[in-house]
Amino acid sequence: MKFREMSRGAVLLAAAIGASAAYADGECVKGYRDTTAAERQTMLAVMEAAKAALPDAPTGWIIGGYEELSPIGSICKDGENTPWAYSFSRTFNRTDDQAARGQALAEAGVKVRAAQEARQPQIDALTARMQTLGAELATASQKGDQARVDAINREFEKTSKQLEAIYAQANDPALLESVAKATMQDRTMSIGIRVNPGAISNAQMKKSQAPAGAHSAYRWTTSADGVSEGHALVLFGAWQPRAQGGVVSQRRGTEPSSTAHAVAVTMAADPARLDSLLASIDFGAIAATVAR
């Protein structure tokens, strides 16, 4: 049996953050050009500085995925004066409790199988009854016995609903949520660095204490199927409020489009672990990327 929670993966309930850059949308009328070596080096330097500000994996965790830094290779000339958006991220996967999570999943499997075995006789009986009703319906139809046809249809519908109710018991919300919490809670953490991201809007985010050198900071918590996740957003550089809600990154003076005009740092972790994740980041080094 495939649990609904398992299909959700690590339940990294992504923070509803939308970003856009004007040059990236719509038709490119003026055509594209390759970025210069100097422009690529500028972008790479920003990402390298921000990457160096991120923590190593804490004890019991490993860094997962790829962290290749990829400066923009070509740009639409329609929007080359708009600050260019580029990014990278770091993900941490927990390893010190794999045995416990595996045991929790195995125990849940035992419970599910036991419950299924207990229901199976009733399922078999109802299924057999529906097959019998099907044969009786065919006979009654051939005889033109409409009263019997109607009676069989009523019983068939009743039996079908009983069968559906039994199958629905297999998706016991309490059991599924307990399995999700035991196997998925506090399993991953992530940090995302987004340079010149454009608009950021999330109805859940609430202002919080900003680190030194930051423009502003926000926090919120999401929850789904028994798994909760804390989120934080720290902004550096040039930002303005949006009429539609949220904020939008701005150009910083006459700095080239390849530089960091604004930086958004997003974090996601178990709510009880979010503070330590925030404390492990060198925000001063990230602030320096928008002060060059």
Protein backbone atom coordinates (compact mmCIF):
# COMPACT_ATOMS: atom_id res chain seq x y z
CA MET A 1 0.00 0.00 0.00
CA LYS A 2 1.31 3.46 -0.90
CA PHE A 3 0.72 6.05 1.77
CA ARG A 4 -0.46 9.49 0.75
CA GLU A 5 2.31 11.04 2.88
CA MET A 6 5.01 9.08 1.13
CA SER A 7 3.94 10.51 -2.18
CA ARG A 8 4.53 13.98 -0.80
CA GLY A 9 8.28 13.29 -0.62
CA ALA A 10 10.06 15.15 2.18
CA VAL A 11 7.10 17.45 2.67
CA LEU A 12 9.20 20.40 1.95
CA LEU A 13 6.18 22.57 1.97
CA ALA A 14 7.75 25.17 -0.14
CA ALA A 15 7.18 28.73 0.95
CA ALA A 16 4.74 30.36 -1.44
CA ILE A 17 7.28 32.76 -2.85
CA GLY A 18 6.90 33.97 -6.43
CA ALA A 19 9.76 35.65 -8.22
CA SER A 20 10.09 37.18 -11.64
CA ALA A 21 12.42 39.39 -13.63
CA ALA A 22 11.12 41.68 -16.34
CA TYR A 23 13.66 40.53 -18.90
CA ALA A 24 12.72 36.89 -18.40
CA ASP A 25 9.07 37.26 -19.34
CA GLY A 26 7.47 37.62 -22.73
CA GLU A 27 9.00 37.86 -26.17
CA CYS A 28 12.60 38.98 -26.60
CA VAL A 29 12.36 41.66 -29.30
CA LYS A 30 15.97 42.85 -29.38
CA GLY A 31 17.45 39.37 -29.26
CA TYR A 32 19.95 37.78 -26.91
CA ARG A 33 23.62 38.36 -26.25
CA ASP A 34 26.18 36.31 -24.37
CA THR A 35 27.21 37.69 -21.03
CA THR A 36 30.82 38.78 -20.83
CA ALA A 37 33.51 37.02 -18.85
CA ALA A 38 33.58 39.97 -16.44
CA GLU A 39 29.81 39.81 -15.93
CA ARG A 40 29.93 36.08 -15.29
CA GLN A 41 32.77 36.56 -12.84
CA THR A 42 30.75 39.21 -11.00
CA MET A 43 27.81 36.84 -10.62
CA LEU A 44 30.08 33.98 -9.62
CA ALA A 45 31.78 36.11 -6.97
CA VAL A 46 28.41 37.02 -5.43
CA MET A 47 27.31 33.38 -5.29
CA GLU A 48 30.67 32.20 -3.95
CA ALA A 49 30.55 34.78 -1.15
CA ALA A 50 27.00 33.83 -0.25
CA LYS A 51 27.78 30.11 -0.43
CA ALA A 52 30.73 30.58 1.92
CA ALA A 53 28.31 32.15 4.41
CA LEU A 54 26.25 28.95 4.64
CA PRO A 55 26.88 26.37 7.36
CA ASP A 56 28.21 22.86 6.95
CA ALA A 57 25.86 20.01 7.81
CA PRO A 58 25.28 19.72 11.56
CA THR A 59 26.08 16.48 13.36
CA GLY A 60 23.73 13.75 12.19
CA TRP A 61 23.00 15.45 8.88
CA ILE A 62 24.55 15.50 5.40
CA ILE A 63 24.49 18.00 2.56
CA GLY A 64 22.40 16.59 -0.27
CA GLY A 65 22.04 17.42 -3.93
CA TYR A 66 24.26 19.47 -6.18
CA GLU A 67 25.56 22.96 -5.47
CA GLU A 68 27.02 23.94 -8.80
CA LEU A 69 27.20 27.71 -9.25
CA SER A 70 25.94 28.70 -12.69
CA PRO A 71 26.22 32.36 -13.76
CA ILE A 72 23.84 33.48 -16.50
CA GLY A 73 25.32 32.68 -19.90
CA SER A 74 23.07 34.84 -22.11
CA ILE A 75 20.66 37.70 -21.56
CA CYS A 76 17.78 39.23 -23.52
CA LYS A 77 18.83 42.72 -24.54
CA ASP A 78 15.26 43.98 -23.91
CA GLY A 79 15.90 43.75 -20.18
CA GLU A 80 19.63 43.81 -19.77
CA ASN A 81 19.31 46.97 -17.67
CA THR A 82 17.05 45.14 -15.22
CA PRO A 83 19.04 43.47 -12.41
CA TRP A 84 19.65 39.87 -13.44
CA ALA A 85 18.17 37.07 -11.33
CA TYR A 86 20.33 34.10 -10.37
CA SER A 87 20.35 31.69 -7.44
CA PHE A 88 21.55 28.52 -5.75
CA SER A 89 20.47 26.46 -2.74
CA ARG A 90 21.73 24.04 -0.11
CA THR A 91 19.73 21.09 1.26
CA PHE A 92 20.46 19.09 4.40
CA ASN A 93 19.19 15.53 4.91
CA ARG A 94 18.99 13.94 8.33
CA THR A 95 20.80 10.62 8.76
CA ASP A 96 21.12 9.97 12.50
CA ASP A 97 17.59 8.63 12.98
CA GLN A 98 17.08 6.53 9.87
CA ALA A 99 16.73 3.33 11.89
CA ALA A 100 14.01 4.85 14.07
CA ARG A 101 12.13 6.18 11.06
CA GLY A 102 12.39 2.80 9.34
CA GLN A 103 11.08 1.09 12.46
CA ALA A 104 8.16 3.53 12.68
CA LEU A 105 7.27 2.84 9.05
CA ALA A 106 7.52 -0.92 9.58
CA GLU A 107 5.26 -0.74 12.64
CA ALA A 108 2.74 1.31 10.70
CA GLY A 109 2.82 -1.30 7.94
CA VAL A 110 2.04 -4.01 10.47
CA LYS A 111 -0.95 -2.04 11.73
CA VAL A 112 -2.24 -1.41 8.22
CA ARG A 113 -1.91 -5.05 7.22
CA ALA A 114 -3.62 -6.23 10.42
CA ALA A 115 -6.49 -3.83 9.84
CA GLN A 116 -6.78 -4.98 6.22
CA GLU A 117 -6.86 -8.63 7.25
CA ALA A 118 -9.60 -7.86 9.77
CA ARG A 119 -11.68 -6.15 7.08
CA GLN A 120 -11.07 -8.70 4.35
CA PRO A 121 -13.83 -11.20 5.27
CA GLN A 122 -16.43 -8.44 5.12
CA ILE A 123 -14.98 -7.17 1.85
CA ASP A 124 -15.13 -10.66 0.37
CA ALA A 125 -18.72 -11.14 1.52
CA LEU A 126 -19.89 -7.81 0.10
CA THR A 127 -18.03 -8.40 -3.16
CA ALA A 128 -19.61 -11.83 -3.52
CA ARG A 129 -23.03 -10.37 -2.80
CA MET A 130 -22.56 -7.74 -5.53
CA GLN A 131 -21.61 -10.45 -8.01
CA THR A 132 -24.75 -12.37 -7.07
CA LEU A 133 -26.86 -9.26 -7.45
CA GLY A 134 -25.38 -8.73 -10.89
CA ALA A 135 -26.46 -12.18 -12.00
CA GLU A 136 -29.94 -11.72 -10.48
CA LEU A 137 -30.26 -8.36 -12.22
CA ALA A 138 -29.55 -9.94 -15.59
CA THR A 139 -32.19 -12.59 -14.98
CA ALA A 140 -34.81 -10.10 -13.80
CA SER A 141 -34.13 -7.88 -16.83
CA GLN A 142 -34.58 -10.80 -19.22
CA LYS A 143 -37.92 -11.62 -17.57
CA GLY A 144 -39.04 -8.00 -17.70
CA ASP A 145 -39.57 -7.99 -13.92
CA GLN A 146 -39.15 -4.24 -13.34
CA ALA A 147 -40.07 -4.41 -9.65
CA ARG A 148 -37.31 -6.95 -9.07
CA VAL A 149 -34.86 -4.88 -11.14
CA ASP A 150 -35.58 -1.82 -9.00
CA ALA A 151 -35.17 -3.80 -5.77
CA ILE A 152 -31.87 -5.28 -6.92
CA ASN A 153 -30.58 -1.84 -7.91
CA ARG A 154 -31.44 -0.47 -4.47
CA GLU A 155 -29.66 -3.32 -2.73
CA PHE A 156 -26.71 -3.02 -5.12
CA GLU A 157 -26.33 0.67 -4.30
CA LYS A 158 -26.54 -0.02 -0.57
CA THR A 159 -23.95 -2.79 -0.78
CA SER A 160 -21.68 -0.63 -2.91
CA LYS A 161 -21.75 2.15 -0.31
CA GLN A 162 -20.93 -0.34 2.44
CA LEU A 163 -17.94 -1.53 0.45
CA GLU A 164 -16.77 2.03 -0.19
CA ALA A 165 -16.98 2.81 3.53
CA ILE A 166 -14.80 -0.19 4.36
CA TYR A 167 -12.19 0.80 1.80
CA ALA A 168 -12.22 4.35 3.18
CA GLN A 169 -11.18 2.98 6.57
CA ALA A 170 -7.85 2.02 5.03
CA ASN A 171 -7.08 5.77 4.79
CA ASP A 172 -7.48 6.40 8.51
CA PRO A 173 -6.41 10.07 8.86
CA ALA A 174 -5.12 9.61 12.41
CA LEU A 175 -2.93 6.68 11.40
CA LEU A 176 -1.64 8.38 8.27
CA GLU A 177 -0.79 11.57 10.15
CA SER A 178 1.03 9.63 12.85
CA VAL A 179 3.04 7.82 10.19
CA ALA A 180 3.87 11.10 8.44
CA LYS A 181 4.98 12.74 11.67
CA ALA A 182 7.15 9.78 12.67
CA THR A 183 8.79 9.37 9.28
CA MET A 184 8.76 12.84 7.67
CA GLN A 185 8.96 15.43 10.47
CA ASP A 186 12.38 17.08 10.89
CA ARG A 187 13.85 15.15 7.98
CA THR A 188 15.22 17.93 5.77
CA MET A 189 16.38 21.55 5.96
CA SER A 190 17.07 23.96 3.13
CA ILE A 191 18.61 27.36 2.47
CA GLY A 192 18.04 29.23 -0.77
CA ILE A 193 19.98 32.27 -1.99
CA ARG A 194 18.19 34.32 -4.65
CA VAL A 195 19.87 37.35 -6.16
CA ASN A 196 17.66 40.09 -7.67
CA PRO A 197 14.58 37.85 -7.46
CA GLY A 198 11.88 40.41 -8.31
CA ALA A 199 8.55 40.09 -6.51
CA ILE A 200 8.06 38.09 -3.33
CA SER A 201 4.55 37.68 -1.98
CA ASN A 202 3.26 35.35 0.71
CA ALA A 203 0.15 36.02 2.74
CA GLN A 204 1.48 33.93 5.64
CA MET A 205 4.77 35.69 6.25
CA LYS A 206 4.98 37.90 9.34
CA LYS A 207 7.72 40.41 10.10
CA SER A 208 10.42 39.24 12.52
CA GLN A 209 13.69 40.53 13.94
CA ALA A 210 16.12 41.16 11.09
CA PRO A 211 19.84 40.31 11.39
CA ALA A 212 22.35 43.16 11.33
CA GLY A 213 22.72 44.56 7.84
CA ALA A 214 19.45 43.11 6.58
CA HIS A 215 16.63 45.11 5.04
CA SER A 216 13.88 43.06 6.73
CA ALA A 217 12.98 39.54 7.85
CA TYR A 218 9.86 37.37 7.98
CA ARG A 219 8.78 34.03 9.45
CA TRP A 220 5.82 31.66 9.13
CA THR A 221 4.88 28.02 9.61
CA THR A 222 3.13 25.60 7.28
CA SER A 223 1.50 22.28 8.13
CA ALA A 224 0.15 19.43 6.03
CA ASP A 225 -0.93 15.91 6.94
CA GLY A 226 0.61 16.07 10.39
CA VAL A 227 3.96 17.46 9.24
CA SER A 228 4.85 21.05 10.18
CA GLU A 229 7.67 23.18 8.79
CA GLY A 230 9.04 26.53 9.82
CA HIS A 231 10.06 29.11 7.20
CA ALA A 232 12.16 32.24 7.35
CA LEU A 233 12.94 34.94 4.80
CA VAL A 234 15.71 37.52 5.20
CA LEU A 235 16.10 40.33 2.66
CA PHE A 236 19.20 42.37 1.89
CA GLY A 237 19.72 45.36 -0.38
CA ALA A 238 17.10 47.38 -2.22
CA TRP A 239 13.43 46.44 -1.69
CA GLN A 240 10.08 48.24 -1.81
CA PRO A 241 6.54 47.22 -0.80
CA ARG A 242 4.24 46.07 -3.61
CA ALA A 243 0.74 47.46 -4.05
CA GLN A 244 -0.47 43.87 -4.55
CA GLY A 245 1.20 42.76 -1.31
CA GLY A 246 4.67 41.55 -0.47
CA VAL A 247 7.86 43.25 -1.64
CA VAL A 248 9.82 43.65 -4.86
CA SER A 249 13.56 44.00 -5.37
CA GLN A 250 14.89 47.28 -6.78
CA ARG A 251 17.89 48.51 -8.70
CA ARG A 252 20.72 49.74 -6.48
CA GLY A 253 22.00 53.00 -7.93
CA THR A 254 23.96 52.68 -11.15
CA GLU A 255 25.52 49.32 -10.32
CA PRO A 256 25.73 46.89 -13.29
CA SER A 257 22.84 44.46 -13.75
CA SER A 258 25.11 41.52 -12.95
CA THR A 259 25.78 42.70 -9.38
CA ALA A 260 23.66 41.92 -6.33
CA HIS A 261 21.12 44.72 -6.03
CA ALA A 262 18.96 42.67 -3.66
CA VAL A 263 19.29 39.24 -2.07
CA ALA A 264 16.58 37.00 -0.58
CA VAL A 265 17.62 34.20 1.75
CA THR A 266 14.92 31.59 2.32
CA MET A 267 15.10 28.87 4.95
CA ALA A 268 12.90 25.87 5.72
CA ALA A 269 13.28 23.49 8.65
CA ASP A 270 11.44 21.85 11.51
CA PRO A 271 9.98 24.73 13.58
CA ALA A 272 12.09 23.71 16.59
CA ARG A 273 15.27 23.73 14.47
CA LEU A 274 14.72 26.98 12.55
CA ASP A 275 16.40 29.25 15.10
CA SER A 276 19.60 27.20 15.10
CA LEU A 277 19.61 27.16 11.29
CA LEU A 278 19.30 30.95 11.22
CA ALA A 279 22.06 31.32 13.79
CA SER A 280 24.42 29.17 11.72
CA ILE A 281 24.35 31.51 8.68
CA ASP A 282 26.87 34.33 8.34
CA PHE A 283 24.39 37.03 7.38
CA GLY A 284 27.10 39.68 7.59
CA ALA A 285 28.89 38.06 4.65
CA ILE A 286 25.65 37.97 2.67
CA ALA A 287 24.98 41.63 3.48
CA ALA A 288 28.40 42.43 2.09
CA THR A 289 27.39 41.12 -1.36
CA VAL A 290 24.99 44.07 -1.78
CA ALA A 291 27.44 46.63 -0.44
CA ARG A 292 30.09 46.16 -3.11
